[in-house]
C-alpha atoms as a PDB file:
ATOM      1  CA  MET A   1       0.279   0.025   0.230  1.00  0.00           C
ATOM      2  CA  PRO A   2       1.544   3.458  -0.968  1.00  0.00           C
ATOM      3  CA  LEU A   3       1.984   5.617   1.855  1.00  0.00           C
ATOM      4  CA  ARG A   4       1.444   8.617  -0.522  1.00  0.00           C
ATOM      5  CA  ASP A   5      -1.508   9.222  -2.764  1.00  0.00           C
ATOM      6  CA  LYS A   6       0.333   9.907  -6.183  1.00  0.00           C
ATOM      7  CA  LEU A   7      -3.246  10.790  -7.843  1.00  0.00           C
ATOM      8  CA  SER A   8      -4.293  13.397  -5.056  1.00  0.00           C
ATOM      9  CA  ASN A   9      -0.815  14.806  -4.946  1.00  0.00           C
ATOM     10  CA  LYS A  10      -1.021  15.889  -8.829  1.00  0.00           C
ATOM     11  CA  LEU A  11      -4.938  17.049  -8.487  1.00  0.00           C
ATOM     12  CA  ARG A  12      -3.842  19.450  -5.714  1.00  0.00           C
ATOM     13  CA  LYS A  13      -1.806  21.601  -8.422  1.00  0.00           C
ATOM     14  CA  TYR A  14      -5.265  22.166 -10.358  1.00  0.00           C
ATOM     15  CA  LEU A  15      -7.958  21.741  -7.400  1.00  0.00           C
ATOM     16  CA  PRO A  16      -8.746  23.169  -4.072  1.00  0.00           C
ATOM     17  CA  ALA A  17      -7.469  20.817  -1.373  1.00  0.00           C
ATOM     18  CA  LYS A  18     -10.905  20.253   0.436  1.00  0.00           C
ATOM     19  CA  VAL A  19     -12.166  18.942  -3.064  1.00  0.00           C
ATOM     20  CA  VAL A  20      -9.282  16.804  -3.780  1.00  0.00           C
ATOM     21  CA  TYR A  21      -9.404  15.326  -0.104  1.00  0.00           C
ATOM     22  CA  ARG A  22     -13.404  14.634  -0.410  1.00  0.00           C
ATOM     23  CA  MET A  23     -12.334  12.876  -3.722  1.00  0.00           C
ATOM     24  CA  ALA A  24      -9.656  10.747  -2.370  1.00  0.00           C
ATOM     25  CA  ARG A  25     -11.499  10.001   0.785  1.00  0.00           C
ATOM     26  CA  THR A  26     -14.606   8.716  -1.240  1.00  0.00           C
ATOM     27  CA  ARG A  27     -12.483   7.110  -3.659  1.00  0.00           C
ATOM     28  CA  ASN A  28     -10.741   5.103  -0.822  1.00  0.00           C
ATOM     29  CA  VAL A  29     -13.885   4.324   0.764  1.00  0.00           C
ATOM     30  CA  GLY A  30     -15.383   2.904  -2.234  1.00  0.00           C
ATOM     31  CA  PHE A  31     -12.584   0.809  -2.989  1.00  0.00           C
ATOM     32  CA  GLN A  32     -12.531  -0.726   0.444  1.00  0.00           C
ATOM     33  CA  MET A  33     -15.908  -1.544   0.670  1.00  0.00           C
ATOM     34  CA  PHE A  34     -15.483  -3.052  -3.081  1.00  0.00           C
ATOM     35  CA  PHE A  35     -12.504  -5.058  -2.055  1.00  0.00           C
ATOM     36  CA  TYR A  36     -14.087  -6.379   1.028  1.00  0.00           C
ATOM     37  CA  LYS A  37     -17.481  -7.505  -0.614  1.00  0.00           C
ATOM     38  CA  LEU A  38     -15.372  -9.011  -3.437  1.00  0.00           C
ATOM     39  CA  ALA A  39     -13.149 -11.067  -0.832  1.00  0.00           C
ATOM     40  CA  ARG A  40     -15.949 -12.336   0.779  1.00  0.00           C
ATOM     41  CA  ALA A  41     -17.850 -13.430  -2.424  1.00  0.00           C
ATOM     42  CA  LYS A  42     -14.461 -14.970  -3.890  1.00  0.00           C
ATOM     43  CA  PRO A  43     -12.197 -15.731  -0.869  1.00  0.00           C
ATOM     44  CA  LYS A  44      -9.733 -18.184  -3.136  1.00  0.00           C
ATOM     45  CA  ALA A  45      -9.254 -15.701  -5.656  1.00  0.00           C
ATOM     46  CA  ILE A  46      -8.440 -12.892  -3.402  1.00  0.00           C
ATOM     47  CA  ARG A  47      -6.318 -14.957  -1.490  1.00  0.00           C
ATOM     48  CA  ARG A  48      -4.467 -15.975  -4.805  1.00  0.00           C
ATOM     49  CA  LEU A  49      -4.324 -12.408  -5.712  1.00  0.00           C
ATOM     50  CA  LEU A  50      -2.832 -11.181  -2.436  1.00  0.00           C
ATOM     51  CA  LEU A  51      -0.027 -13.992  -2.140  1.00  0.00           C
ATOM     52  CA  SER A  52       0.917 -13.145  -5.615  1.00  0.00           C
ATOM     53  CA  GLN A  53       1.475  -9.806  -4.490  1.00  0.00           C
ATOM     54  CA  VAL A  54       3.502 -10.467  -1.277  1.00  0.00           C
ATOM     55  CA  ARG A  55       5.294 -12.971  -3.524  1.00  0.00           C
ATOM     56  CA  ARG A  56       6.405 -10.145  -5.874  1.00  0.00           C
ATOM     57  CA  GLN A  57       7.649  -7.924  -2.827  1.00  0.00           C
ATOM     58  CA  VAL A  58       9.591 -10.824  -0.896  1.00  0.00           C
ATOM     59  CA  GLY A  59      11.191 -12.478  -3.998  1.00  0.00           C
ATOM     60  CA  ASP A  60      11.185 -16.089  -5.103  1.00  0.00           C
ATOM     61  CA  ASN A  61      13.656 -17.129  -2.228  1.00  0.00           C
ATOM     62  CA  PHE A  62      11.086 -16.699   0.680  1.00  0.00           C
ATOM     63  CA  ASP A  63       8.887 -19.681   1.836  1.00  0.00           C
ATOM     64  CA  MET A  64       5.416 -18.113   1.460  1.00  0.00           C
ATOM     65  CA  LYS A  65       4.278 -20.518   4.340  1.00  0.00           C
ATOM     66  CA  HIS A  66       4.864 -17.645   6.539  1.00  0.00           C
ATOM     67  CA  PHE A  67       2.050 -15.371   4.996  1.00  0.00           C
ATOM     68  CA  SER A  68      -0.269 -18.459   3.996  1.00  0.00           C
ATOM     69  CA  PRO A  69      -2.655 -18.501   6.858  1.00  0.00           C
ATOM     70  CA  SER A  70      -5.242 -21.208   7.058  1.00  0.00           C
ATOM     71  CA  TYR A  71      -8.005 -18.730   6.908  1.00  0.00           C
ATOM     72  CA  ASN A  72      -9.287 -16.914   4.000  1.00  0.00           C
ATOM     73  CA  PRO A  73      -9.116 -12.951   3.620  1.00  0.00           C
ATOM     74  CA  TRP A  74     -11.194 -11.024   6.164  1.00  0.00           C
ATOM     75  CA  ASP A  75     -12.177 -14.006   8.252  1.00  0.00           C
ATOM     76  CA  GLU A  76      -9.650 -12.124  10.292  1.00  0.00           C
ATOM     77  CA  ARG A  77      -8.693  -8.517   9.848  1.00  0.00           C
ATOM     78  CA  LEU A  78      -6.316  -7.685   6.876  1.00  0.00           C
ATOM     79  CA  CYS A  79      -2.975  -6.021   8.052  1.00  0.00           C
ATOM     80  CA  ALA A  80      -1.663  -3.165   5.618  1.00  0.00           C
ATOM     81  CA  VAL A  81       2.082  -2.804   4.817  1.00  0.00           C
ATOM     82  CA  PRO A  82       2.707   1.080   3.739  1.00  0.00           C
ATOM     83  CA  ASN A  83       5.165   1.265   1.022  1.00  0.00           C
ATOM     84  CA  GLY A  84       5.805  -2.418   1.547  1.00  0.00           C
ATOM     85  CA  ASP A  85       8.474  -1.638   4.477  1.00  0.00           C
ATOM     86  CA  LEU A  86       8.478  -4.805   5.900  1.00  0.00           C
ATOM     87  CA  PHE A  87       8.687  -6.797   2.675  1.00  0.00           C
ATOM     88  CA  LYS A  88      11.618  -4.913   1.799  1.00  0.00           C
ATOM     89  CA  ALA A  89      13.339  -5.560   5.173  1.00  0.00           C
ATOM     90  CA  ILE A  90      12.738  -9.248   4.380  1.00  0.00           C
ATOM     91  CA  ARG A  91      14.014  -9.249   0.845  1.00  0.00           C
ATOM     92  CA  HIS A  92      17.178  -7.256   2.029  1.00  0.00           C
ATOM     93  CA  GLY A  93      17.916  -9.704   4.893  1.00  0.00           C
ATOM     94  CA  LYS A  94      16.893  -7.348   7.388  1.00  0.00           C
ATOM     95  CA  ALA A  95      14.054  -8.786   9.160  1.00  0.00           C
ATOM     96  CA  SER A  96      13.046 -12.563   9.225  1.00  0.00           C
ATOM     97  CA  VAL A  97       9.487 -14.510   9.799  1.00  0.00           C
ATOM     98  CA  VAL A  98       9.230 -17.597  11.679  1.00  0.00           C
ATOM     99  CA  THR A  99       5.591 -19.539  11.969  1.00  0.00           C
ATOM    100  CA  ASP A 100       5.081 -21.863  15.115  1.00  0.00           C
ATOM    101  CA  HIS A 101       3.480 -21.833  18.285  1.00  0.00           C
ATOM    102  CA  ILE A 102       5.015 -20.391  21.409  1.00  0.00           C
ATOM    103  CA  ASP A 103       5.997 -23.302  24.048  1.00  0.00           C
ATOM    104  CA  THR A 104       7.310 -21.225  26.759  1.00  0.00           C
ATOM    105  CA  PHE A 105       9.837 -18.209  27.552  1.00  0.00           C
ATOM    106  CA  THR A 106      13.574 -18.741  28.138  1.00  0.00           C
ATOM    107  CA  GLU A 107      16.249 -16.795  29.658  1.00  0.00           C
ATOM    108  CA  LYS A 108      17.346 -16.108  26.174  1.00  0.00           C
ATOM    109  CA  GLY A 109      14.048 -15.852  24.291  1.00  0.00           C
ATOM    110  CA  ILE A 110      11.108 -17.719  23.435  1.00  0.00           C
ATOM    111  CA  LEU A 111      10.929 -21.620  22.840  1.00  0.00           C
ATOM    112  CA  LEU A 112       8.814 -22.742  20.048  1.00  0.00           C
ATOM    113  CA  LYS A 113       6.976 -25.949  20.036  1.00  0.00           C
ATOM    114  CA  SER A 114       8.955 -27.364  17.115  1.00  0.00           C
ATOM    115  CA  GLY A 115      11.860 -27.049  19.390  1.00  0.00           C
ATOM    116  CA  GLN A 116      13.415 -24.150  17.796  1.00  0.00           C
ATOM    117  CA  GLU A 117      14.655 -21.274  20.061  1.00  0.00           C
ATOM    118  CA  LEU A 118      14.229 -17.640  19.278  1.00  0.00           C
ATOM    119  CA  GLU A 119      16.893 -15.067  21.112  1.00  0.00           C
ATOM    120  CA  ALA A 120      15.265 -12.069  21.535  1.00  0.00           C
ATOM    121  CA  ASP A 121      16.436  -8.715  23.494  1.00  0.00           C
ATOM    122  CA  ILE A 122      12.903  -7.599  23.557  1.00  0.00           C
ATOM    123  CA  ILE A 123       9.728  -9.400  23.361  1.00  0.00           C
ATOM    124  CA  ILE A 124       6.179  -7.587  22.445  1.00  0.00           C
ATOM    125  CA  THR A 125       3.368  -9.788  23.014  1.00  0.00           C
ATOM    126  CA  ALA A 126       0.529  -9.467  20.684  1.00  0.00           C
ATOM    127  CA  THR A 127      -1.604 -12.702  21.233  1.00  0.00           C
ATOM    128  CA  GLY A 128      -4.104 -13.392  23.635  1.00  0.00           C
ATOM    129  CA  LEU A 129      -6.029 -10.175  23.461  1.00  0.00           C
ATOM    130  CA  ASP A 130      -9.462 -10.291  25.510  1.00  0.00           C
ATOM    131  CA  LEU A 131     -11.809  -7.796  24.465  1.00  0.00           C
ATOM    132  CA  GLN A 132     -13.171  -5.423  27.080  1.00  0.00           C
ATOM    133  CA  LEU A 133     -16.745  -3.936  26.110  1.00  0.00           C
ATOM    134  CA  LEU A 134     -17.640  -0.665  27.404  1.00  0.00           C
ATOM    135  CA  GLY A 135     -14.595  -0.063  29.262  1.00  0.00           C
ATOM    136  CA  GLY A 136     -15.338  -2.790  31.747  1.00  0.00           C
ATOM    137  CA  MET A 137     -18.133  -1.228  33.375  1.00  0.00           C
ATOM    138  CA  GLU A 138     -20.771  -2.988  35.388  1.00  0.00           C
ATOM    139  CA  LEU A 139     -24.074  -1.750  34.352  1.00  0.00           C
ATOM    140  CA  GLU A 140     -27.296  -1.926  36.165  1.00  0.00           C
ATOM    141  CA  MET A 141     -30.958  -0.904  34.994  1.00  0.00           C
ATOM    142  CA  ASP A 142     -33.625  -0.313  37.303  1.00  0.00           C
ATOM    143  CA  GLY A 143     -31.373  -1.563  39.943  1.00  0.00           C
ATOM    144  CA  LYS A 144     -30.933  -4.951  38.495  1.00  0.00           C
ATOM    145  CA  PRO A 145     -27.519  -6.167  36.655  1.00  0.00           C
ATOM    146  CA  LEU A 146     -27.588  -5.450  33.179  1.00  0.00           C
ATOM    147  CA  GLN A 147     -25.853  -8.144  30.755  1.00  0.00           C
ATOM    148  CA  MET A 148     -25.236  -6.711  27.409  1.00  0.00           C
ATOM    149  CA  SER A 149     -25.056 -10.339  25.974  1.00  0.00           C
ATOM    150  CA  GLN A 150     -28.843 -10.703  26.599  1.00  0.00           C
ATOM    151  CA  THR A 151     -29.627  -7.557  24.580  1.00  0.00           C
ATOM    152  CA  MET A 152     -29.629  -6.453  20.711  1.00  0.00           C
ATOM    153  CA  ASN A 153     -27.745  -3.667  19.120  1.00  0.00           C
ATOM    154  CA  TYR A 154     -30.169  -0.942  17.098  1.00  0.00           C
ATOM    155  CA  LYS A 155     -28.273   0.811  14.158  1.00  0.00           C
ATOM    156  CA  GLY A 156     -24.798  -0.059  15.602  1.00  0.00           C
ATOM    157  CA  VAL A 157     -25.422   2.295  18.336  1.00  0.00           C
ATOM    158  CA  MET A 158     -28.117   1.627  20.994  1.00  0.00           C
ATOM    159  CA  PHE A 159     -29.690  -1.422  22.614  1.00  0.00           C
ATOM    160  CA  LYS A 160     -33.021  -3.082  22.634  1.00  0.00           C
ATOM    161  CA  ASP A 161     -35.110  -1.677  25.610  1.00  0.00           C
ATOM    162  CA  ILE A 162     -32.430  -0.003  27.249  1.00  0.00           C
ATOM    163  CA  PRO A 163     -33.128   4.047  27.309  1.00  0.00           C
ATOM    164  CA  ASN A 164     -30.824   6.768  26.621  1.00  0.00           C
ATOM    165  CA  PHE A 165     -27.562   4.475  26.231  1.00  0.00           C
ATOM    166  CA  ALA A 166     -25.388   4.435  23.144  1.00  0.00           C
ATOM    167  CA  MET A 167     -22.056   2.881  22.235  1.00  0.00           C
ATOM    168  CA  VAL A 168     -19.514   4.034  19.491  1.00  0.00           C
ATOM    169  CA  PHE A 169     -18.306   0.691  17.744  1.00  0.00           C
ATOM    170  CA  GLY A 170     -16.128   1.090  14.713  1.00  0.00           C
ATOM    171  CA  TYR A 171     -15.673  -0.786  11.460  1.00  0.00           C
ATOM    172  CA  THR A 172     -13.769  -4.096  11.897  1.00  0.00           C
ATOM    173  CA  ASN A 173     -13.082  -4.045   7.935  1.00  0.00           C
ATOM    174  CA  ALA A 174     -12.290  -0.258   7.609  1.00  0.00           C
ATOM    175  CA  SER A 175     -11.232   2.772   9.366  1.00  0.00           C
ATOM    176  CA  TRP A 176     -12.767   2.715  12.907  1.00  0.00           C
ATOM    177  CA  THR A 177     -13.477   6.394  12.792  1.00  0.00           C
ATOM    178  CA  LEU A 178     -15.575   6.145   9.560  1.00  0.00           C
ATOM    179  CA  LYS A 179     -18.091   4.427  11.704  1.00  0.00           C
ATOM    180  CA  ALA A 180     -17.346   6.648  14.989  1.00  0.00           C
ATOM    181  CA  ASP A 181     -18.041   9.921  13.186  1.00  0.00           C
ATOM    182  CA  ILE A 182     -21.675   9.238  11.922  1.00  0.00           C
ATOM    183  CA  THR A 183     -22.520   7.601  15.196  1.00  0.00           C
ATOM    184  CA  LEU A 184     -22.058  10.633  16.941  1.00  0.00           C
ATOM    185  CA  GLU A 185     -23.984  12.495  13.946  1.00  0.00           C
ATOM    186  CA  TYR A 186     -26.514  10.129  14.657  1.00  0.00           C
ATOM    187  CA  LEU A 187     -26.683  10.912  18.183  1.00  0.00           C
ATOM    188  CA  CYS A 188     -26.666  14.420  17.682  1.00  0.00           C
ATOM    189  CA  ARG A 189     -29.794  14.129  15.688  1.00  0.00           C
ATOM    190  CA  LEU A 190     -31.208  12.117  18.124  1.00  0.00           C
ATOM    191  CA  LEU A 191     -30.812  14.641  20.766  1.00  0.00           C
ATOM    192  CA  LYS A 192     -32.137  17.351  18.851  1.00  0.00           C
ATOM    193  CA  THR A 193     -35.194  15.323  18.027  1.00  0.00           C
ATOM    194  CA  MET A 194     -35.768  14.754  21.962  1.00  0.00           C
ATOM    195  CA  ASP A 195     -35.485  18.348  22.340  1.00  0.00           C
ATOM    196  CA  LYS A 196     -37.894  18.875  19.597  1.00  0.00           C
ATOM    197  CA  LYS A 197     -40.462  16.447  21.053  1.00  0.00           C
ATOM    198  CA  GLY A 198     -39.787  17.794  24.674  1.00  0.00           C
ATOM    199  CA  MET A 199     -38.928  14.130  25.667  1.00  0.00           C
ATOM    200  CA  HIS A 200     -36.435  12.982  27.795  1.00  0.00           C
ATOM    201  CA  GLN A 201     -36.226   9.306  27.238  1.00  0.00           C
ATOM    202  CA  ALA A 202     -35.357   7.541  23.745  1.00  0.00           C
ATOM    203  CA  THR A 203     -35.715   3.561  23.819  1.00  0.00           C
ATOM    204  CA  PRO A 204     -35.336   1.235  20.877  1.00  0.00           C
ATOM    205  CA  ARG A 205     -38.414  -1.361  20.956  1.00  0.00           C
ATOM    206  CA  LEU A 206     -38.608  -4.522  18.880  1.00  0.00           C
ATOM    207  CA  SER A 207     -41.772  -5.547  17.720  1.00  0.00           C
ATOM    208  CA  ASP A 208     -40.845  -7.218  14.580  1.00  0.00           C
ATOM    209  CA  SER A 209     -41.350 -11.174  15.120  1.00  0.00           C
ATOM    210  CA  SER A 210     -39.517 -11.766  12.086  1.00  0.00           C
ATOM    211  CA  VAL A 211     -36.092 -10.512  13.610  1.00  0.00           C
ATOM    212  CA  HIS A 212     -33.869 -13.266  14.913  1.00  0.00           C
ATOM    213  CA  GLU A 213     -30.576 -12.776  16.641  1.00  0.00           C
ATOM    214  CA  VAL A 214     -27.223 -13.550  15.087  1.00  0.00           C
ATOM    215  CA  PRO A 215     -23.658 -13.003  16.490  1.00  0.00           C
ATOM    216  CA  PHE A 216     -22.514  -9.434  17.002  1.00  0.00           C
ATOM    217  CA  LEU A 217     -19.274  -9.777  14.987  1.00  0.00           C
ATOM    218  CA  ASP A 218     -18.944 -12.223  11.760  1.00  0.00           C
ATOM    219  CA  MET A 219     -15.004 -12.545  12.307  1.00  0.00           C
ATOM    220  CA  GLN A 220     -12.964 -15.683  12.802  1.00  0.00           C
ATOM    221  CA  SER A 221     -10.153 -14.284  15.128  1.00  0.00           C
ATOM    222  CA  GLY A 222      -9.229 -15.706  18.364  1.00  0.00           C
ATOM    223  CA  TYR A 223     -10.213 -12.615  20.429  1.00  0.00           C
ATOM    224  CA  VAL A 224     -13.303 -12.342  18.412  1.00  0.00           C
ATOM    225  CA  LYS A 225     -14.630 -15.653  19.517  1.00  0.00           C
ATOM    226  CA  ARG A 226     -13.340 -15.435  23.006  1.00  0.00           C
ATOM    227  CA  ALA A 227     -15.696 -12.049  23.319  1.00  0.00           C
ATOM    228  CA  LEU A 228     -18.664 -13.374  21.630  1.00  0.00           C
ATOM    229  CA  PRO A 229     -20.277 -14.420  24.840  1.00  0.00           C
ATOM    230  CA  LYS A 230     -19.781 -11.265  26.527  1.00  0.00           C
ATOM    231  CA  LEU A 231     -20.923  -9.093  23.282  1.00  0.00           C
ATOM    232  CA  PRO A 232     -24.646  -8.167  22.581  1.00  0.00           C
ATOM    233  CA  ARG A 233     -26.114  -9.847  19.609  1.00  0.00           C
ATOM    234  CA  GLN A 234     -27.516  -8.223  16.484  1.00  0.00           C
ATOM    235  CA  GLY A 235     -30.558  -8.979  14.270  1.00  0.00           C
ATOM    236  CA  ASN A 236     -30.868 -10.227  10.953  1.00  0.00           C
ATOM    237  CA  LYS A 237     -32.269  -7.209   9.372  1.00  0.00           C
ATOM    238  CA  ALA A 238     -32.083  -3.270   9.727  1.00  0.00           C
ATOM    239  CA  PRO A 239     -32.241  -1.398  11.844  1.00  0.00           C
ATOM    240  CA  TRP A 240     -30.936  -4.457  14.079  1.00  0.00           C
ATOM    241  CA  LYS A 241     -28.402  -5.297  11.678  1.00  0.00           C
ATOM    242  CA  LEU A 242     -24.649  -4.266  12.061  1.00  0.00           C
ATOM    243  CA  HIS A 243     -23.649  -3.576   8.344  1.00  0.00           C
ATOM    244  CA  GLN A 244     -20.073  -3.453   8.518  1.00  0.00           C
ATOM    245  CA  ASN A 245     -20.646  -0.910   5.431  1.00  0.00           C
ATOM    246  CA  TYR A 246     -20.060   2.821   5.457  1.00  0.00           C
ATOM    247  CA  ALA A 247     -22.586   3.636   2.734  1.00  0.00           C
ATOM    248  CA  LEU A 248     -25.383   1.769   4.317  1.00  0.00           C
ATOM    249  CA  ASP A 249     -24.632   3.475   7.597  1.00  0.00           C
ATOM    250  CA  LEU A 250     -24.321   6.520   6.129  1.00  0.00           C
ATOM    251  CA  ALA A 251     -28.024   6.291   4.499  1.00  0.00           C
ATOM    252  CA  MET A 252     -29.158   5.177   8.009  1.00  0.00           C
ATOM    253  CA  LEU A 253     -27.478   7.246  10.328  1.00  0.00           C
ATOM    254  CA  ARG A 254     -26.894  10.479   8.632  1.00  0.00           C
ATOM    255  CA  TYR A 255     -30.010  10.603   6.279  1.00  0.00           C
ATOM    256  CA  GLY A 256     -32.465   8.187   7.549  1.00  0.00           C
ATOM    257  CA  GLU A 257     -35.366   8.768   9.945  1.00  0.00           C
ATOM    258  CA  VAL A 258     -34.686   9.189  13.812  1.00  0.00           C
ATOM    259  CA  ASP A 259     -38.453   8.875  14.756  1.00  0.00           C
ATOM    260  CA  ASP A 260     -38.527   5.296  12.728  1.00  0.00           C
ATOM    261  CA  GLY A 261     -41.391   3.832  14.394  1.00  0.00           C
ATOM    262  CA  VAL A 262     -38.681   1.511  16.457  1.00  0.00           C
ATOM    263  CA  MET A 263     -37.317   4.265  18.709  1.00  0.00           C
ATOM    264  CA  THR A 264     -39.779   5.224  21.182  1.00  0.00           C
ATOM    265  CA  PHE A 265     -39.905   8.511  23.087  1.00  0.00           C
ATOM    266  CA  SER A 266     -41.166   8.982  26.478  1.00  0.00           C
ATOM    267  CA  ASN A 267     -40.995  11.166  29.807  1.00  0.00           C
ATOM    268  CA  PRO A 268     -40.660   8.631  32.533  1.00  0.00           C
ATOM    269  CA  GLY A 269     -42.860   9.529  35.809  1.00  0.00           C
END
């Protein structure tokens, strides 16, 4: 992935910076959505494409098993390598990759299950992550403990039968802040609607019997699987579905109706 956008840099010579930025943002968001959908629809083809690009970067003498995981693209999150700096380091012999399972730490470094020992001055742990929802808060409603795993997400922002409570949860397949931005826009629209109606409480209510629960996230990463029992659920259709799609969320959160027949407004006595 190029670190600098050559096309945008050229366009800045002829167009205002704000226009160029919006064009680049639209192009990049659109390409990401297209690539993600293509990867989910044609995982084997995209896998071959990605591996062929890595092969071009690391050279013919590199063992590709180190970049050939057992899962398909976007079963887990993809990692971008700006300007291919990691691949350049590997190609020039300044870095190496070992694929194995960790057995234990030793005085010198790490012992792998294959028996190989990797000597290391510094070890950075990057596995075994445990997701902590809502910063680890323990929630209560009406004096009773509230389990988020027992509720359903609404528009990727609020939760069924829980009044005046929202969460910012970004994309797992794109920039986190894309979703964060429009989530906050929606919440501002919701607050303005409540003010206009003179209401103090907004609560999503589910009355559609055709909506059924599905897991909150559709990913195979270990940290996601471990967290699923703690996460809220999502529905099989809008507005209870977590889209993971900027265009759909933009239409729903920025331009969709706030008073949509699902959100109920009230003034508690």
